[in-house]
Amino acid sequence: MKTLREFTDPVLAGIVQSFLKDNEIDAVLLDQGASAWTAGRILIPVRLAVPLEQEEAAESLLSQYETTPKNES
């Protein structure tokens, strides 16, 4: 597994994981439980990881996701 991103917001981590899974990437969230038990999530971020063989495809999808304008209403 390769960690591609770290999140201090577990909700955003879940949204990004769902986006990757919808595109057939076997994304997992690591340290979810640990971050919930810390006083501040910044101390232990939620990590998004994918299998090594899907790293390139996942990075490409994440780049698309991160540059797509979001509805701010």
PDB file of N, CA and C in Angstrom:
ATOM      1  N   MET A   1       0.846  -1.185   0.000  1.00  0.00           N
ATOM      2  CA  MET A   1       0.000   0.000   0.000  1.00  0.00           C
ATOM      3  C   MET A   1       0.889   1.246   0.000  1.00  0.00           C
ATOM      4  N   LYS A   2       0.392   2.266  -0.642  1.00  0.00           N
ATOM      5  CA  LYS A   2       1.104   3.534  -0.740  1.00  0.00           C
ATOM      6  C   LYS A   2       0.183   4.649  -0.238  1.00  0.00           C
ATOM      7  N   THR A   3       0.647   5.439   0.715  1.00  0.00           N
ATOM      8  CA  THR A   3      -0.118   6.584   1.191  1.00  0.00           C
ATOM      9  C   THR A   3       0.012   7.718   0.178  1.00  0.00           C
ATOM     10  N   LEU A   4      -1.134   8.204  -0.293  1.00  0.00           N
ATOM     11  CA  LEU A   4      -1.138   9.274  -1.290  1.00  0.00           C
ATOM     12  C   LEU A   4      -1.482  10.635  -0.699  1.00  0.00           C
ATOM     13  N   ARG A   5      -2.336  10.666   0.307  1.00  0.00           N
ATOM     14  CA  ARG A   5      -2.745  11.929   0.918  1.00  0.00           C
ATOM     15  C   ARG A   5      -2.969  11.713   2.416  1.00  0.00           C
ATOM     16  N   GLU A   6      -2.870  12.816   3.159  1.00  0.00           N
ATOM     17  CA  GLU A   6      -3.214  12.829   4.576  1.00  0.00           C
ATOM     18  C   GLU A   6      -4.258  13.918   4.787  1.00  0.00           C
ATOM     19  N   PHE A   7      -5.239  13.631   5.645  1.00  0.00           N
ATOM     20  CA  PHE A   7      -6.345  14.549   5.879  1.00  0.00           C
ATOM     21  C   PHE A   7      -6.517  14.817   7.369  1.00  0.00           C
ATOM     22  N   THR A   8      -6.771  16.053   7.716  1.00  0.00           N
ATOM     23  CA  THR A   8      -7.141  16.377   9.084  1.00  0.00           C
ATOM     24  C   THR A   8      -8.660  16.387   9.234  1.00  0.00           C
ATOM     25  N   ASP A   9      -9.362  16.317   8.116  1.00  0.00           N
ATOM     26  CA  ASP A   9     -10.826  16.261   8.111  1.00  0.00           C
ATOM     27  C   ASP A   9     -11.256  14.857   7.672  1.00  0.00           C
ATOM     28  N   PRO A  10     -11.748  14.033   8.613  1.00  0.00           N
ATOM     29  CA  PRO A  10     -12.124  12.663   8.251  1.00  0.00           C
ATOM     30  C   PRO A  10     -13.285  12.588   7.270  1.00  0.00           C
ATOM     31  N   VAL A  11     -14.147  13.586   7.254  1.00  0.00           N
ATOM     32  CA  VAL A  11     -15.261  13.597   6.296  1.00  0.00           C
ATOM     33  C   VAL A  11     -14.724  13.770   4.878  1.00  0.00           C
ATOM     34  N   LEU A  12     -13.814  14.704   4.693  1.00  0.00           N
ATOM     35  CA  LEU A  12     -13.198  14.902   3.386  1.00  0.00           C
ATOM     36  C   LEU A  12     -12.432  13.652   2.962  1.00  0.00           C
ATOM     37  N   ALA A  13     -11.756  13.016   3.888  1.00  0.00           N
ATOM     38  CA  ALA A  13     -11.039  11.771   3.581  1.00  0.00           C
ATOM     39  C   ALA A  13     -12.007  10.722   3.035  1.00  0.00           C
ATOM     40  N   GLY A  14     -13.169  10.607   3.652  1.00  0.00           N
ATOM     41  CA  GLY A  14     -14.172   9.652   3.198  1.00  0.00           C
ATOM     42  C   GLY A  14     -14.724   9.980   1.824  1.00  0.00           C
ATOM     43  N   ILE A  15     -14.895  11.270   1.547  1.00  0.00           N
ATOM     44  CA  ILE A  15     -15.386  11.692   0.228  1.00  0.00           C
ATOM     45  C   ILE A  15     -14.370  11.324  -0.851  1.00  0.00           C
ATOM     46  N   VAL A  16     -13.112  11.607  -0.591  1.00  0.00           N
ATOM     47  CA  VAL A  16     -12.062  11.297  -1.575  1.00  0.00           C
ATOM     48  C   VAL A  16     -11.932   9.788  -1.750  1.00  0.00           C
ATOM     49  N   GLN A  17     -12.017   9.031  -0.656  1.00  0.00           N
ATOM     50  CA  GLN A  17     -11.973   7.571  -0.762  1.00  0.00           C
ATOM     51  C   GLN A  17     -13.126   7.070  -1.636  1.00  0.00           C
ATOM     52  N   SER A  18     -14.325   7.592  -1.422  1.00  0.00           N
ATOM     53  CA  SER A  18     -15.488   7.183  -2.229  1.00  0.00           C
ATOM     54  C   SER A  18     -15.288   7.510  -3.697  1.00  0.00           C
ATOM     55  N   PHE A  19     -14.724   8.684  -3.975  1.00  0.00           N
ATOM     56  CA  PHE A  19     -14.436   9.070  -5.355  1.00  0.00           C
ATOM     57  C   PHE A  19     -13.514   8.048  -6.019  1.00  0.00           C
ATOM     58  N   LEU A  20     -12.456   7.653  -5.323  1.00  0.00           N
ATOM     59  CA  LEU A  20     -11.528   6.669  -5.890  1.00  0.00           C
ATOM     60  C   LEU A  20     -12.203   5.309  -6.062  1.00  0.00           C
ATOM     61  N   LYS A  21     -12.967   4.890  -5.065  1.00  0.00           N
ATOM     62  CA  LYS A  21     -13.657   3.593  -5.166  1.00  0.00           C
ATOM     63  C   LYS A  21     -14.655   3.591  -6.323  1.00  0.00           C
ATOM     64  N   ASP A  22     -15.330   4.724  -6.530  1.00  0.00           N
ATOM     65  CA  ASP A  22     -16.261   4.833  -7.663  1.00  0.00           C
ATOM     66  C   ASP A  22     -15.541   4.679  -8.999  1.00  0.00           C
ATOM     67  N   ASN A  23     -14.232   4.933  -8.992  1.00  0.00           N
ATOM     68  CA  ASN A  23     -13.409   4.799 -10.195  1.00  0.00           C
ATOM     69  C   ASN A  23     -12.534   3.544 -10.147  1.00  0.00           C
ATOM     70  N   GLU A  24     -13.000   2.564  -9.380  1.00  0.00           N
ATOM     71  CA  GLU A  24     -12.394   1.228  -9.317  1.00  0.00           C
ATOM     72  C   GLU A  24     -10.969   1.206  -8.755  1.00  0.00           C
ATOM     73  N   ILE A  25     -10.680   2.127  -7.830  1.00  0.00           N
ATOM     74  CA  ILE A  25      -9.409   2.132  -7.111  1.00  0.00           C
ATOM     75  C   ILE A  25      -9.696   1.611  -5.704  1.00  0.00           C
ATOM     76  N   ASP A  26      -8.909   0.651  -5.249  1.00  0.00           N
ATOM     77  CA  ASP A  26      -9.105   0.040  -3.932  1.00  0.00           C
ATOM     78  C   ASP A  26      -8.495   0.897  -2.823  1.00  0.00           C
ATOM     79  N   ALA A  27      -9.078   2.072  -2.622  1.00  0.00           N
ATOM     80  CA  ALA A  27      -8.568   3.026  -1.629  1.00  0.00           C
ATOM     81  C   ALA A  27      -9.024   2.635  -0.227  1.00  0.00           C
ATOM     82  N   VAL A  28      -8.132   2.811   0.742  1.00  0.00           N
ATOM     83  CA  VAL A  28      -8.459   2.566   2.141  1.00  0.00           C
ATOM     84  C   VAL A  28      -8.027   3.768   2.971  1.00  0.00           C
ATOM     85  N   LEU A  29      -8.708   3.946   4.107  1.00  0.00           N
ATOM     86  CA  LEU A  29      -8.347   4.998   5.047  1.00  0.00           C
ATOM     87  C   LEU A  29      -7.648   4.358   6.240  1.00  0.00           C
ATOM     88  N   LEU A  30      -6.482   4.882   6.572  1.00  0.00           N
ATOM     89  CA  LEU A  30      -5.691   4.380   7.683  1.00  0.00           C
ATOM     90  C   LEU A  30      -5.699   5.403   8.818  1.00  0.00           C
ATOM     91  N   ASP A  31      -5.624   4.933  10.024  1.00  0.00           N
ATOM     92  CA  ASP A  31      -5.565   5.773  11.235  1.00  0.00           C
ATOM     93  C   ASP A  31      -6.867   6.495  11.528  1.00  0.00           C
ATOM     94  N   GLN A  32      -7.982   6.004  10.993  1.00  0.00           N
ATOM     95  CA  GLN A  32      -9.270   6.630  11.271  1.00  0.00           C
ATOM     96  C   GLN A  32      -9.584   6.611  12.761  1.00  0.00           C
ATOM     97  N   GLY A  33      -9.420   5.478  13.390  1.00  0.00           N
ATOM     98  CA  GLY A  33      -9.720   5.358  14.814  1.00  0.00           C
ATOM     99  C   GLY A  33      -8.781   6.183  15.672  1.00  0.00           C
ATOM    100  N   ALA A  34      -7.526   6.226  15.308  1.00  0.00           N
ATOM    101  CA  ALA A  34      -6.541   6.981  16.088  1.00  0.00           C
ATOM    102  C   ALA A  34      -6.842   8.463  16.060  1.00  0.00           C
ATOM    103  N   SER A  35      -7.248   8.973  14.909  1.00  0.00           N
ATOM    104  CA  SER A  35      -7.510  10.413  14.818  1.00  0.00           C
ATOM    105  C   SER A  35      -8.751  10.784  15.624  1.00  0.00           C
ATOM    106  N   ALA A  36      -9.700   9.877  15.735  1.00  0.00           N
ATOM    107  CA  ALA A  36     -10.918  10.169  16.478  1.00  0.00           C
ATOM    108  C   ALA A  36     -10.656  10.276  17.978  1.00  0.00           C
ATOM    109  N   TRP A  37      -9.595   9.652  18.448  1.00  0.00           N
ATOM    110  CA  TRP A  37      -9.305   9.635  19.878  1.00  0.00           C
ATOM    111  C   TRP A  37      -8.325  10.717  20.304  1.00  0.00           C
ATOM    112  N   THR A  38      -7.759  11.444  19.379  1.00  0.00           N
ATOM    113  CA  THR A  38      -6.822  12.511  19.749  1.00  0.00           C
ATOM    114  C   THR A  38      -7.582  13.804  20.002  1.00  0.00           C
ATOM    115  N   ALA A  39      -6.992  14.670  20.785  1.00  0.00           N
ATOM    116  CA  ALA A  39      -7.637  15.952  21.072  1.00  0.00           C
ATOM    117  C   ALA A  39      -7.764  16.783  19.801  1.00  0.00           C
ATOM    118  N   GLY A  40      -6.748  16.745  18.960  1.00  0.00           N
ATOM    119  CA  GLY A  40      -6.788  17.449  17.682  1.00  0.00           C
ATOM    120  C   GLY A  40      -6.409  16.510  16.572  1.00  0.00           C
ATOM    121  N   ARG A  41      -7.208  16.450  15.541  1.00  0.00           N
ATOM    122  CA  ARG A  41      -6.951  15.515  14.448  1.00  0.00           C
ATOM    123  C   ARG A  41      -5.639  15.800  13.734  1.00  0.00           C
ATOM    124  N   ILE A  42      -5.101  16.989  13.921  1.00  0.00           N
ATOM    125  CA  ILE A  42      -3.841  17.343  13.269  1.00  0.00           C
ATOM    126  C   ILE A  42      -2.706  16.454  13.766  1.00  0.00           C
ATOM    127  N   LEU A  43      -2.779  15.996  14.995  1.00  0.00           N
ATOM    128  CA  LEU A  43      -1.720  15.161  15.556  1.00  0.00           C
ATOM    129  C   LEU A  43      -1.587  13.829  14.822  1.00  0.00           C
ATOM    130  N   ILE A  44      -2.712  13.222  14.486  1.00  0.00           N
ATOM    131  CA  ILE A  44      -2.693  11.947  13.767  1.00  0.00           C
ATOM    132  C   ILE A  44      -3.680  12.049  12.606  1.00  0.00           C
ATOM    133  N   PRO A  45      -3.201  12.425  11.435  1.00  0.00           N
ATOM    134  CA  PRO A  45      -4.119  12.578  10.295  1.00  0.00           C
ATOM    135  C   PRO A  45      -4.617  11.228   9.783  1.00  0.00           C
ATOM    136  N   VAL A  46      -5.738  11.272   9.103  1.00  0.00           N
ATOM    137  CA  VAL A  46      -6.265  10.102   8.399  1.00  0.00           C
ATOM    138  C   VAL A  46      -5.492  10.000   7.099  1.00  0.00           C
ATOM    139  N   ARG A  47      -4.948   8.804   6.822  1.00  0.00           N
ATOM    140  CA  ARG A  47      -4.161   8.612   5.604  1.00  0.00           C
ATOM    141  C   ARG A  47      -4.976   7.848   4.568  1.00  0.00           C
ATOM    142  N   LEU A  48      -4.891   8.305   3.328  1.00  0.00           N
ATOM    143  CA  LEU A  48      -5.520   7.638   2.193  1.00  0.00           C
ATOM    144  C   LEU A  48      -4.448   6.822   1.479  1.00  0.00           C
ATOM    145  N   ALA A  49      -4.679   5.525   1.374  1.00  0.00           N
ATOM    146  CA  ALA A  49      -3.684   4.647   0.748  1.00  0.00           C
ATOM    147  C   ALA A  49      -4.334   3.794  -0.335  1.00  0.00           C
ATOM    148  N   VAL A  50      -3.512   3.417  -1.312  1.00  0.00           N
ATOM    149  CA  VAL A  50      -3.960   2.557  -2.410  1.00  0.00           C
ATOM    150  C   VAL A  50      -2.900   1.484  -2.656  1.00  0.00           C
ATOM    151  N   PRO A  51      -3.286   0.377  -3.294  1.00  0.00           N
ATOM    152  CA  PRO A  51      -2.292  -0.632  -3.666  1.00  0.00           C
ATOM    153  C   PRO A  51      -1.251  -0.031  -4.624  1.00  0.00           C
ATOM    154  N   LEU A  52      -0.027  -0.492  -4.522  1.00  0.00           N
ATOM    155  CA  LEU A  52       1.058   0.043  -5.354  1.00  0.00           C
ATOM    156  C   LEU A  52       0.727  -0.005  -6.843  1.00  0.00           C
ATOM    157  N   GLU A  53       0.078  -1.067  -7.278  1.00  0.00           N
ATOM    158  CA  GLU A  53      -0.218  -1.214  -8.704  1.00  0.00           C
ATOM    159  C   GLU A  53      -1.294  -0.233  -9.187  1.00  0.00           C
ATOM    160  N   GLN A  54      -1.994   0.435  -8.277  1.00  0.00           N
ATOM    161  CA  GLN A  54      -3.016   1.411  -8.655  1.00  0.00           C
ATOM    162  C   GLN A  54      -2.571   2.852  -8.361  1.00  0.00           C
ATOM    163  N   GLU A  55      -1.342   3.017  -7.913  1.00  0.00           N
ATOM    164  CA  GLU A  55      -0.854   4.337  -7.514  1.00  0.00           C
ATOM    165  C   GLU A  55      -0.949   5.366  -8.641  1.00  0.00           C
ATOM    166  N   GLU A  56      -0.470   5.022  -9.815  1.00  0.00           N
ATOM    167  CA  GLU A  56      -0.456   5.973 -10.926  1.00  0.00           C
ATOM    168  C   GLU A  56      -1.867   6.390 -11.328  1.00  0.00           C
ATOM    169  N   ALA A  57      -2.766   5.427 -11.446  1.00  0.00           N
ATOM    170  CA  ALA A  57      -4.152   5.739 -11.804  1.00  0.00           C
ATOM    171  C   ALA A  57      -4.813   6.585 -10.719  1.00  0.00           C
ATOM    172  N   ALA A  58      -4.541   6.261  -9.464  1.00  0.00           N
ATOM    173  CA  ALA A  58      -5.124   7.015  -8.349  1.00  0.00           C
ATOM    174  C   ALA A  58      -4.609   8.453  -8.338  1.00  0.00           C
ATOM    175  N   GLU A  59      -3.321   8.644  -8.557  1.00  0.00           N
ATOM    176  CA  GLU A  59      -2.762   9.997  -8.589  1.00  0.00           C
ATOM    177  C   GLU A  59      -3.385  10.820  -9.710  1.00  0.00           C
ATOM    178  N   SER A  60      -3.588  10.202 -10.855  1.00  0.00           N
ATOM    179  CA  SER A  60      -4.218  10.895 -11.975  1.00  0.00           C
ATOM    180  C   SER A  60      -5.640  11.321 -11.617  1.00  0.00           C
ATOM    181  N   LEU A  61      -6.401  10.425 -11.020  1.00  0.00           N
ATOM    182  CA  LEU A  61      -7.764  10.747 -10.606  1.00  0.00           C
ATOM    183  C   LEU A  61      -7.780  11.832  -9.535  1.00  0.00           C
ATOM    184  N   LEU A  62      -6.859  11.749  -8.585  1.00  0.00           N
ATOM    185  CA  LEU A  62      -6.796  12.756  -7.526  1.00  0.00           C
ATOM    186  C   LEU A  62      -6.461  14.131  -8.091  1.00  0.00           C
ATOM    187  N   SER A  63      -5.588  14.174  -9.075  1.00  0.00           N
ATOM    188  CA  SER A  63      -5.254  15.447  -9.715  1.00  0.00           C
ATOM    189  C   SER A  63      -6.489  16.052 -10.373  1.00  0.00           C
ATOM    190  N   GLN A  64      -7.267  15.210 -11.046  1.00  0.00           N
ATOM    191  CA  GLN A  64      -8.508  15.678 -11.665  1.00  0.00           C
ATOM    192  C   GLN A  64      -9.481  16.174 -10.598  1.00  0.00           C
ATOM    193  N   TYR A  65      -9.626  15.408  -9.532  1.00  0.00           N
ATOM    194  CA  TYR A  65     -10.541  15.758  -8.453  1.00  0.00           C
ATOM    195  C   TYR A  65     -10.154  17.089  -7.809  1.00  0.00           C
ATOM    196  N   GLU A  66      -8.872  17.266  -7.565  1.00  0.00           N
ATOM    197  CA  GLU A  66      -8.391  18.454  -6.862  1.00  0.00           C
ATOM    198  C   GLU A  66      -8.465  19.721  -7.714  1.00  0.00           C
ATOM    199  N   THR A  67      -8.504  19.580  -9.034  1.00  0.00           N
ATOM    200  CA  THR A  67      -8.565  20.763  -9.897  1.00  0.00           C
ATOM    201  C   THR A  67      -9.983  21.053 -10.394  1.00  0.00           C
ATOM    202  N   THR A  68     -10.942  20.185 -10.070  1.00  0.00           N
ATOM    203  CA  THR A  68     -12.317  20.402 -10.474  1.00  0.00           C
ATOM    204  C   THR A  68     -12.962  21.411  -9.533  1.00  0.00           C
ATOM    205  N   PRO A  69     -13.568  22.462 -10.071  1.00  0.00           N
ATOM    206  CA  PRO A  69     -14.252  23.441  -9.204  1.00  0.00           C
ATOM    207  C   PRO A  69     -15.360  22.766  -8.407  1.00  0.00           C
ATOM    208  N   LYS A  70     -15.447  23.104  -7.134  1.00  0.00           N
ATOM    209  CA  LYS A  70     -16.477  22.532  -6.262  1.00  0.00           C
ATOM    210  C   LYS A  70     -17.633  23.521  -6.134  1.00  0.00           C
ATOM    211  N   ASN A  71     -18.833  22.994  -5.981  1.00  0.00           N
ATOM    212  CA  ASN A  71     -20.018  23.826  -5.747  1.00  0.00           C
ATOM    213  C   ASN A  71     -19.921  24.379  -4.328  1.00  0.00           C
ATOM    214  N   GLU A  72     -19.817  25.675  -4.190  1.00  0.00           N
ATOM    215  CA  GLU A  72     -19.633  26.287  -2.881  1.00  0.00           C
ATOM    216  C   GLU A  72     -20.911  26.820  -2.272  1.00  0.00           C
ATOM    217  N   SER A  73     -22.051  26.435  -2.794  1.00  0.00           N
ATOM    218  CA  SER A  73     -23.319  26.928  -2.230  1.00  0.00           C
ATOM    219  C   SER A  73     -23.827  26.015  -1.155  1.00  0.00           C
TER     220      SER A  73
END
